[in-house]
Amino acid sequence: MIDLPSGDSPYRLSDTDLRQRLDALRPVPRISIQAFCETAAVGEAIEAAAGDRRMVKAHVRVHMGGIRAAVEHYATAPTPNLVFLESTLRPNELLGELESLADVCDPGSKVVIVGHHNDVSLYRELTRRGVSEYMLAPVHLADVLAIVSQLFMAEGSDPLGRILAFVGAKGGAGASTLCHNVGWTMARLFGNDVLLADLDLPFGTANIDFDRDPPQGVAEAVFSAERLDEVFLDRLLVSCADHLSLLAAPSTLDRAYDFEAEAFSALIDAAQRGTPHVVLDVPHVWNGWTRTVLERADEVVLVAEPDLANLRNAKNLMDTLRKARPNDRPPHLVLNRVGVPKRPEIAPAEFAEPLGVQLMAQIAFDPLVFGTAANTGRMLAELDGKHAATLAFNEMAHALTGRAVAKQAPKQALGGLRALMRRR
């Protein structure tokens, strides 16, 4: 007999193990899922998966009662895209009950059986009868997400791009500067396409930082969401460097930019389908759409300066996003403008301690080089490839893309990044 794979108890995985298992999983499309369970543990695992950000587009309902309840339900109701059925019956009895389900199940629906018997013969017979997958209980939310992704992501298609969101703990903390430099660094180091979107429509600075003045950009994408696809999006992009495309903000005040919570979802979906890395410059405002963008990003980078107001705001953001993203890493923390002369500052270790994270990097205050780069529309590495901040951007690019850590860099620029990478 061959052992079939199964998950652990939903309560036994460590946070690190869970995040490692979820890292490779992508958001699932808009599908309907129903589950008919016999045990509370399986029902709880499916409900936990339904609450994960990767399932935000899916409509999930969990019922108790197993296969018999499903047969009764679907006798008068259409079947969804995917049905999870748990059964504690022995193999022969399970196969018998499935016969009655076949009479009421629509041919286009996929069925996943969660069983309690490790029997490869049963697995083969179920797949022969058209069952999409057999899972051995107990199952974990990561198992549920993996099966859904496997069944509904097109075979042979490129994986969806990863969403990396930068946001400042306080206005003027320098999140946009770091976002633009890290996005540019990712494109230069790895040769993979990067799409950088400036979401600060009234006051965005990406067009200035890259010395570009495109006639169209993120505003056209958001206000034309109903016809947005990869072809339309491609017409709005402007090239800033090899493998780096910019979706610039209009940076004008000729209209009010009031958006619903899902206003940027179509743009992000279209960008993901065509680009391996989508870097979002999120403005320091708190409303429905910024919260939605940050909650659904694969990685969030929180940029702060070492003072009390930044610490308070960073703590609030960390706590809120941890609660909204329980299965993901907390936001990465970067301290910017460290060491301003005569400014009282909170020590980096003391700043990070109440947030419960290690510093990803700390960037020293250097107004000359950063000011020169901003005023000339160039990235920092173009001015000084050996500057400590340039090396920190390289390390951040490696960490955010899951690449191997770059060699040797000054501790002042890197902070706790190497420890972070070891945990990955």
Protein backbone atom coordinates (compact mmCIF):
# COMPACT_ATOMS: atom_id res chain seq x y z
CA MET A 1 0.00 0.00 0.00
CA ILE A 2 1.23 3.49 -0.92
CA ASP A 3 0.87 6.30 1.58
CA LEU A 4 -1.25 9.13 0.27
CA PRO A 5 -0.27 12.70 1.19
CA SER A 6 -2.18 14.40 3.94
CA GLY A 7 -1.93 17.60 5.90
CA ASP A 8 -1.15 18.04 9.54
CA SER A 9 -3.62 19.13 12.14
CA PRO A 10 -4.72 22.72 11.46
CA TYR A 11 -3.19 23.67 14.80
CA ARG A 12 0.20 21.95 14.60
CA LEU A 13 2.05 23.84 11.87
CA SER A 14 4.41 26.54 13.05
CA ASP A 15 4.07 30.00 11.51
CA THR A 16 7.30 29.47 9.59
CA ASP A 17 6.22 26.09 8.17
CA LEU A 18 2.84 27.46 7.18
CA ARG A 19 4.29 30.45 5.36
CA GLN A 20 6.78 28.28 3.53
CA ARG A 21 3.98 26.05 2.28
CA LEU A 22 1.87 29.02 1.20
CA ASP A 23 4.65 30.98 -0.51
CA ALA A 24 4.30 29.17 -3.83
CA LEU A 25 0.51 29.41 -3.96
CA ARG A 26 -1.19 32.05 -6.06
CA PRO A 27 -4.62 33.68 -5.74
CA VAL A 28 -7.46 31.56 -7.11
CA PRO A 29 -9.94 32.90 -9.69
CA ARG A 30 -13.59 33.76 -9.12
CA ILE A 31 -15.14 30.36 -8.49
CA SER A 32 -17.84 28.89 -6.27
CA ILE A 33 -16.89 26.23 -3.73
CA GLN A 34 -19.10 24.20 -1.40
CA ALA A 35 -18.00 21.69 1.19
CA PHE A 36 -20.00 18.95 2.95
CA CYS A 37 -18.06 17.73 5.96
CA GLU A 38 -18.53 15.04 8.60
CA THR A 39 -15.97 16.25 11.15
CA ALA A 40 -15.46 19.68 12.65
CA ALA A 41 -11.70 19.60 11.97
CA VAL A 42 -12.09 19.34 8.19
CA GLY A 43 -14.80 21.97 8.16
CA GLU A 44 -12.59 24.32 10.15
CA ALA A 45 -9.66 23.77 7.77
CA ILE A 46 -11.82 24.66 4.75
CA GLU A 47 -13.27 27.70 6.50
CA ALA A 48 -9.74 28.81 7.43
CA ALA A 49 -8.71 28.49 3.79
CA ALA A 50 -11.76 30.50 2.74
CA GLY A 51 -10.57 33.35 4.96
CA ASP A 52 -7.12 33.49 3.37
CA ARG A 53 -6.39 36.43 1.05
CA ARG A 54 -5.65 34.04 -1.84
CA MET A 55 -9.32 32.98 -1.78
CA VAL A 56 -10.77 36.46 -1.68
CA LYS A 57 -12.40 36.07 -5.11
CA ALA A 58 -13.86 32.64 -4.38
CA HIS A 59 -17.32 32.17 -2.86
CA VAL A 60 -17.10 29.40 -0.25
CA ARG A 61 -19.82 27.73 1.83
CA VAL A 62 -19.25 24.93 4.33
CA HIS A 63 -22.00 22.52 5.35
CA MET A 64 -22.05 19.49 7.61
CA GLY A 65 -23.50 16.11 6.71
CA GLY A 66 -21.08 14.60 4.21
CA ILE A 67 -22.07 12.96 0.93
CA ARG A 68 -25.68 12.27 1.89
CA ALA A 69 -26.29 15.93 2.71
CA ALA A 70 -24.69 16.89 -0.62
CA VAL A 71 -26.99 14.53 -2.54
CA GLU A 72 -30.05 16.00 -0.85
CA HIS A 73 -28.86 19.55 -1.46
CA TYR A 74 -27.98 19.14 -5.14
CA ALA A 75 -31.23 17.36 -5.90
CA THR A 76 -32.80 20.82 -6.03
CA ALA A 77 -29.80 23.13 -6.48
CA PRO A 78 -27.04 23.51 -9.09
CA THR A 79 -23.57 22.27 -8.20
CA PRO A 80 -20.74 24.83 -7.88
CA ASN A 81 -17.38 24.85 -9.63
CA LEU A 82 -15.83 22.73 -6.87
CA VAL A 83 -17.29 20.42 -4.22
CA PHE A 84 -15.36 19.13 -1.20
CA LEU A 85 -16.92 15.95 0.26
CA GLU A 86 -15.69 14.41 3.49
CA SER A 87 -16.48 10.76 4.25
CA THR A 88 -15.46 8.54 7.16
CA LEU A 89 -16.88 5.47 5.41
CA ARG A 90 -14.77 2.52 4.39
CA PRO A 91 -13.79 2.38 0.69
CA ASN A 92 -16.59 0.11 -0.54
CA GLU A 93 -19.27 2.10 1.28
CA LEU A 94 -17.79 5.37 0.05
CA LEU A 95 -17.91 4.24 -3.58
CA GLY A 96 -21.52 3.18 -3.10
CA GLU A 97 -22.58 6.61 -1.80
CA LEU A 98 -20.81 8.34 -4.67
CA GLU A 99 -23.11 6.56 -7.11
CA SER A 100 -26.05 8.57 -5.79
CA LEU A 101 -24.06 11.79 -6.07
CA ALA A 102 -23.34 11.18 -9.75
CA ASP A 103 -27.07 11.46 -10.49
CA VAL A 104 -27.31 15.02 -9.16
CA CYS A 105 -23.82 16.46 -9.84
CA ASP A 106 -23.35 18.63 -12.93
CA PRO A 107 -20.71 17.25 -15.34
CA GLY A 108 -18.66 20.48 -15.24
CA SER A 109 -18.20 20.47 -11.47
CA LYS A 110 -14.98 19.21 -9.92
CA VAL A 111 -15.16 16.96 -6.86
CA VAL A 112 -12.53 16.48 -4.15
CA ILE A 113 -13.00 13.69 -1.62
CA VAL A 114 -11.55 14.01 1.88
CA GLY A 115 -11.31 10.49 3.27
CA HIS A 116 -10.01 8.77 6.38
CA HIS A 117 -8.57 5.60 4.81
CA ASN A 118 -5.08 5.43 3.35
CA ASP A 119 -5.87 3.21 0.37
CA VAL A 120 -4.22 3.76 -3.00
CA SER A 121 -6.71 1.40 -4.68
CA LEU A 122 -9.50 3.67 -3.54
CA TYR A 123 -7.60 6.68 -4.90
CA ARG A 124 -7.25 5.04 -8.31
CA GLU A 125 -10.89 4.03 -8.44
CA LEU A 126 -12.04 7.52 -7.49
CA THR A 127 -9.93 9.17 -10.19
CA ARG A 128 -11.20 6.59 -12.71
CA ARG A 129 -14.72 7.71 -11.85
CA GLY A 130 -13.89 11.34 -12.47
CA VAL A 131 -13.11 12.55 -8.94
CA SER A 132 -10.51 15.29 -9.22
CA GLU A 133 -8.53 14.48 -6.06
CA TYR A 134 -8.55 12.34 -2.93
CA MET A 135 -7.15 13.93 0.22
CA LEU A 136 -6.36 11.96 3.35
CA ALA A 137 -7.56 13.55 6.60
CA PRO A 138 -6.47 15.43 8.61
CA VAL A 139 -6.13 18.35 6.21
CA HIS A 140 -4.66 21.80 6.74
CA LEU A 141 -5.76 25.07 5.17
CA ALA A 142 -2.58 24.98 3.06
CA ASP A 143 -3.68 21.61 1.61
CA VAL A 144 -7.05 23.07 0.67
CA LEU A 145 -5.48 26.13 -0.97
CA ALA A 146 -3.00 23.96 -2.86
CA ILE A 147 -5.73 21.71 -4.27
CA VAL A 148 -7.89 24.64 -5.37
CA SER A 149 -4.92 26.36 -7.03
CA GLN A 150 -3.91 23.11 -8.75
CA LEU A 151 -7.39 22.49 -10.14
CA PHE A 152 -8.15 25.99 -11.38
CA MET A 153 -4.85 27.39 -12.60
CA ALA A 154 -4.41 26.65 -16.30
CA GLU A 155 -1.88 23.93 -17.02
CA GLY A 156 1.34 25.25 -18.53
CA SER A 157 0.43 28.88 -17.87
CA ASP A 158 2.94 31.24 -16.36
CA PRO A 159 2.49 31.83 -12.63
CA LEU A 160 0.84 35.04 -11.58
CA GLY A 161 3.23 37.86 -10.79
CA ARG A 162 4.05 38.63 -7.18
CA ILE A 163 2.71 41.85 -5.70
CA LEU A 164 5.19 43.88 -3.63
CA ALA A 165 3.68 46.92 -1.90
CA PHE A 166 5.67 49.76 -0.33
CA VAL A 167 3.99 52.13 2.10
CA GLY A 168 5.25 54.77 4.52
CA ALA A 169 4.42 54.76 8.22
CA LYS A 170 4.22 58.54 7.96
CA GLY A 171 4.05 61.00 5.11
CA GLY A 172 7.52 61.91 3.87
CA ALA A 173 9.22 58.82 5.31
CA GLY A 174 10.76 58.06 1.92
CA ALA A 175 8.73 54.99 0.94
CA SER A 176 8.42 56.14 -2.67
CA THR A 177 12.18 56.65 -3.04
CA LEU A 178 12.89 53.19 -1.66
CA CYS A 179 10.12 51.64 -3.76
CA HIS A 180 11.47 53.11 -7.00
CA ASN A 181 15.08 52.21 -6.25
CA VAL A 182 14.27 48.63 -5.22
CA GLY A 183 12.02 48.11 -8.26
CA TRP A 184 14.77 49.40 -10.57
CA THR A 185 17.31 47.20 -8.78
CA MET A 186 15.16 44.07 -9.22
CA ALA A 187 14.96 44.66 -12.96
CA ARG A 188 18.70 45.32 -13.26
CA LEU A 189 19.92 42.44 -11.09
CA PHE A 190 17.70 39.62 -12.26
CA GLY A 191 16.67 40.50 -15.81
CA ASN A 192 13.01 39.75 -15.03
CA ASP A 193 10.28 42.16 -16.05
CA VAL A 194 9.12 44.53 -13.33
CA LEU A 195 6.02 46.72 -13.50
CA LEU A 196 6.15 49.68 -11.11
CA ALA A 197 2.80 51.37 -10.48
CA ASP A 198 2.59 54.74 -8.73
CA LEU A 199 -0.77 54.68 -6.92
CA ASP A 200 -0.46 58.20 -5.49
CA LEU A 201 -2.55 59.77 -8.24
CA PRO A 202 -2.52 63.42 -7.07
CA PHE A 203 1.06 63.65 -5.77
CA GLY A 204 3.03 60.72 -7.20
CA THR A 205 6.74 61.22 -7.88
CA ALA A 206 7.69 58.17 -9.96
CA ASN A 207 7.56 60.18 -13.18
CA ILE A 208 10.03 62.68 -11.67
CA ASP A 209 12.30 60.02 -10.18
CA PHE A 210 12.59 58.27 -13.55
CA ASP A 211 12.59 61.49 -15.60
CA ARG A 212 9.54 60.48 -17.64
CA ASP A 213 6.41 62.38 -18.59
CA PRO A 214 4.00 59.85 -20.09
CA PRO A 215 0.66 61.19 -21.36
CA GLN A 216 -1.24 58.26 -19.84
CA GLY A 217 -0.82 56.01 -16.85
CA VAL A 218 -2.49 54.64 -13.75
CA ALA A 219 -5.49 57.01 -13.90
CA GLU A 220 -6.56 55.71 -17.32
CA ALA A 221 -6.19 52.15 -16.08
CA VAL A 222 -8.34 52.73 -12.99
CA PHE A 223 -11.04 54.79 -14.67
CA SER A 224 -11.32 52.28 -17.55
CA ALA A 225 -11.34 49.16 -15.41
CA GLU A 226 -14.24 47.62 -17.36
CA ARG A 227 -12.11 47.32 -20.52
CA LEU A 228 -8.72 46.81 -18.90
CA ASP A 229 -6.73 43.84 -20.20
CA GLU A 230 -3.07 43.11 -20.86
CA VAL A 231 -3.14 44.78 -24.28
CA PHE A 232 -4.71 47.99 -22.98
CA LEU A 233 -2.40 48.02 -19.97
CA ASP A 234 0.65 47.61 -22.19
CA ARG A 235 -0.29 50.81 -24.07
CA LEU A 236 -0.28 52.75 -20.80
CA LEU A 237 3.21 51.66 -19.74
CA VAL A 238 6.41 53.59 -20.37
CA SER A 239 9.84 51.94 -20.33
CA CYS A 240 12.24 53.30 -17.71
CA ALA A 241 15.08 50.78 -18.12
CA ASP A 242 15.67 47.28 -19.43
CA HIS A 243 12.91 45.09 -17.97
CA LEU A 244 11.34 47.98 -16.02
CA SER A 245 8.01 49.51 -17.03
CA LEU A 246 6.31 52.40 -15.26
CA LEU A 247 2.62 53.06 -14.78
CA ALA A 248 2.87 56.69 -13.74
CA ALA A 249 0.48 58.81 -11.71
CA PRO A 250 -0.95 61.93 -13.34
CA SER A 251 0.22 64.09 -10.39
CA THR A 252 -2.49 66.67 -11.09
CA LEU A 253 -5.32 68.11 -9.04
CA ASP A 254 -7.87 68.65 -11.78
CA ARG A 255 -10.19 66.00 -10.37
CA ALA A 256 -10.94 64.25 -7.08
CA TYR A 257 -9.52 60.76 -6.72
CA ASP A 258 -12.17 59.00 -4.66
CA PHE A 259 -12.21 55.24 -5.13
CA GLU A 260 -14.13 52.21 -3.93
CA ALA A 261 -12.32 49.42 -2.06
CA GLU A 262 -11.95 47.28 -5.22
CA ALA A 263 -10.98 50.13 -7.56
CA PHE A 264 -7.43 48.88 -8.17
CA SER A 265 -8.21 45.15 -8.27
CA ALA A 266 -8.68 44.98 -12.07
CA LEU A 267 -5.40 46.83 -12.62
CA ILE A 268 -3.46 44.54 -10.28
CA ASP A 269 -5.01 41.42 -11.83
CA ALA A 270 -4.05 42.54 -15.35
CA ALA A 271 -0.53 43.44 -14.23
CA GLN A 272 -0.07 40.06 -12.53
CA ARG A 273 -1.02 38.13 -15.63
CA GLY A 274 1.78 39.62 -17.69
CA THR A 275 4.62 40.56 -15.31
CA PRO A 276 6.62 38.42 -12.84
CA HIS A 277 7.04 41.28 -10.34
CA VAL A 278 4.52 44.07 -9.74
CA VAL A 279 5.81 46.78 -7.41
CA LEU A 280 3.20 49.14 -5.94
CA ASP A 281 4.00 52.58 -4.54
CA VAL A 282 1.10 52.97 -2.09
CA PRO A 283 0.46 56.49 -0.72
CA HIS A 284 0.32 57.21 2.99
CA VAL A 285 -3.47 57.40 3.29
CA TRP A 286 -5.88 55.00 4.95
CA ASN A 287 -9.10 54.19 3.16
CA GLY A 288 -10.87 51.23 1.60
CA TRP A 289 -8.72 50.82 -1.48
CA THR A 290 -5.31 51.25 0.20
CA ARG A 291 -6.32 48.74 2.85
CA THR A 292 -7.44 46.26 0.16
CA VAL A 293 -4.19 46.66 -1.79
CA LEU A 294 -2.02 46.12 1.30
CA GLU A 295 -4.06 43.17 2.55
CA ARG A 296 -3.78 41.32 -0.77
CA ALA A 297 -0.13 42.00 -1.56
CA ASP A 298 2.29 39.09 -1.42
CA GLU A 299 4.85 41.19 0.46
CA VAL A 300 4.46 44.54 2.22
CA VAL A 301 7.42 46.82 2.96
CA LEU A 302 6.78 49.38 5.69
CA VAL A 303 9.15 52.35 5.58
CA ALA A 304 9.55 54.49 8.70
CA GLU A 305 11.80 57.10 10.24
CA PRO A 306 13.10 56.51 13.78
CA ASP A 307 10.79 58.81 15.74
CA LEU A 308 7.77 58.35 17.98
CA ALA A 309 5.04 59.27 15.46
CA ASN A 310 6.46 56.78 12.96
CA LEU A 311 6.65 54.12 15.66
CA ARG A 312 3.02 54.60 16.64
CA ASN A 313 1.83 54.46 13.03
CA ALA A 314 4.06 51.48 12.23
CA LYS A 315 2.66 49.59 15.22
CA ASN A 316 -0.91 50.29 14.10
CA LEU A 317 -0.15 49.15 10.54
CA MET A 318 1.68 46.03 11.71
CA ASP A 319 -1.15 45.01 14.02
CA THR A 320 -3.85 45.66 11.42
CA LEU A 321 -2.10 43.81 8.60
CA ARG A 322 -1.12 40.89 10.83
CA LYS A 323 -4.78 40.43 11.72
CA ALA A 324 -5.92 40.76 8.10
CA ARG A 325 -3.13 38.47 6.76
CA PRO A 326 -2.83 35.73 9.42
CA ASN A 327 -1.16 33.23 7.07
CA ASP A 328 1.46 35.62 5.67
CA ARG A 329 4.65 37.16 6.93
CA PRO A 330 4.20 40.47 8.73
CA PRO A 331 5.28 43.55 6.78
CA HIS A 332 9.03 44.00 6.36
CA LEU A 333 10.37 47.00 8.28
CA VAL A 334 12.88 49.44 6.83
CA LEU A 335 14.17 52.43 8.79
CA ASN A 336 15.02 55.36 6.54
CA ARG A 337 16.99 58.56 7.15
CA VAL A 338 18.78 57.16 10.18
CA GLY A 339 21.29 59.51 11.78
CA VAL A 340 19.92 62.98 11.02
CA PRO A 341 22.28 65.42 12.81
CA LYS A 342 20.93 66.82 16.09
CA ARG A 343 17.62 64.94 15.72
CA PRO A 344 16.68 62.79 18.74
CA GLU A 345 16.05 59.29 17.38
CA ILE A 346 14.78 55.95 18.63
CA ALA A 347 17.50 53.32 18.36
CA PRO A 348 16.77 50.82 15.56
CA ALA A 349 16.58 47.83 17.93
CA GLU A 350 14.23 49.72 20.25
CA PHE A 351 12.07 50.74 17.28
CA ALA A 352 11.72 47.17 15.97
CA GLU A 353 11.20 45.46 19.35
CA PRO A 354 7.56 46.53 20.03
CA LEU A 355 6.66 45.67 16.41
CA GLY A 356 7.83 42.09 16.85
CA VAL A 357 9.95 42.07 13.67
CA GLN A 358 13.58 42.38 12.70
CA LEU A 359 14.76 45.23 10.54
CA MET A 360 15.01 44.39 6.88
CA ALA A 361 17.37 47.32 6.36
CA GLN A 362 18.28 50.72 7.73
CA ILE A 363 19.21 53.53 5.36
CA ALA A 364 21.51 56.25 6.64
CA PHE A 365 20.65 59.93 6.19
CA ASP A 366 22.55 61.26 3.15
CA PRO A 367 20.80 64.33 1.71
CA LEU A 368 23.49 65.04 -0.91
CA VAL A 369 23.37 61.78 -2.81
CA PHE A 370 19.61 61.21 -2.45
CA GLY A 371 18.84 64.83 -3.34
CA THR A 372 21.09 64.70 -6.39
CA ALA A 373 19.45 61.49 -7.59
CA ALA A 374 15.95 62.92 -7.15
CA ASN A 375 16.74 66.22 -8.86
CA THR A 376 18.38 64.53 -11.85
CA GLY A 377 15.81 61.78 -12.35
CA ARG A 378 18.25 58.95 -11.68
CA MET A 379 18.43 56.00 -9.35
CA LEU A 380 20.96 55.97 -6.53
CA ALA A 381 23.00 53.13 -8.06
CA GLU A 382 23.47 55.19 -11.23
CA LEU A 383 25.26 57.81 -9.14
CA ASP A 384 27.16 55.55 -6.75
CA GLY A 385 27.11 51.80 -7.22
CA LYS A 386 29.06 51.23 -3.99
CA HIS A 387 27.00 53.47 -1.72
CA ALA A 388 25.74 51.69 1.42
CA ALA A 389 22.13 52.35 0.42
CA THR A 390 22.74 50.87 -3.04
CA LEU A 391 23.98 47.69 -1.39
CA ALA A 392 20.94 47.69 0.89
CA PHE A 393 18.64 47.98 -2.14
CA ASN A 394 20.41 44.99 -3.66
CA GLU A 395 19.81 42.97 -0.50
CA MET A 396 16.17 44.03 -0.34
CA ALA A 397 15.68 42.98 -3.97
CA HIS A 398 17.11 39.55 -3.18
CA ALA A 399 14.91 39.13 -0.11
CA LEU A 400 11.67 40.26 -1.76
CA THR A 401 12.14 38.00 -4.77
CA GLY A 402 13.31 35.00 -2.76
CA ARG A 403 16.73 34.98 -4.42
CA ALA A 404 19.96 33.93 -2.74
CA VAL A 405 21.43 36.57 -0.49
CA ALA A 406 23.99 38.79 -2.15
CA LYS A 407 27.52 38.68 -0.77
CA GLN A 408 28.93 40.96 1.91
CA ALA A 409 27.41 44.34 2.65
CA PRO A 410 27.85 46.86 5.45
CA LYS A 411 25.91 46.09 8.60
CA GLN A 412 24.69 49.67 8.86
CA ALA A 413 22.90 49.40 5.55
CA LEU A 414 21.55 45.90 6.04
CA GLY A 415 20.36 45.77 9.62
CA GLY A 416 18.73 42.40 10.32
CA LEU A 417 18.24 41.32 6.71
CA ARG A 418 20.48 38.26 6.79
CA ALA A 419 18.61 36.87 9.77
CA LEU A 420 15.38 37.47 7.85
CA MET A 421 16.71 35.55 4.86
CA ARG A 422 17.77 32.63 7.03
CA ARG A 423 14.18 32.34 8.27
CA ARG A 424 12.89 32.27 4.68
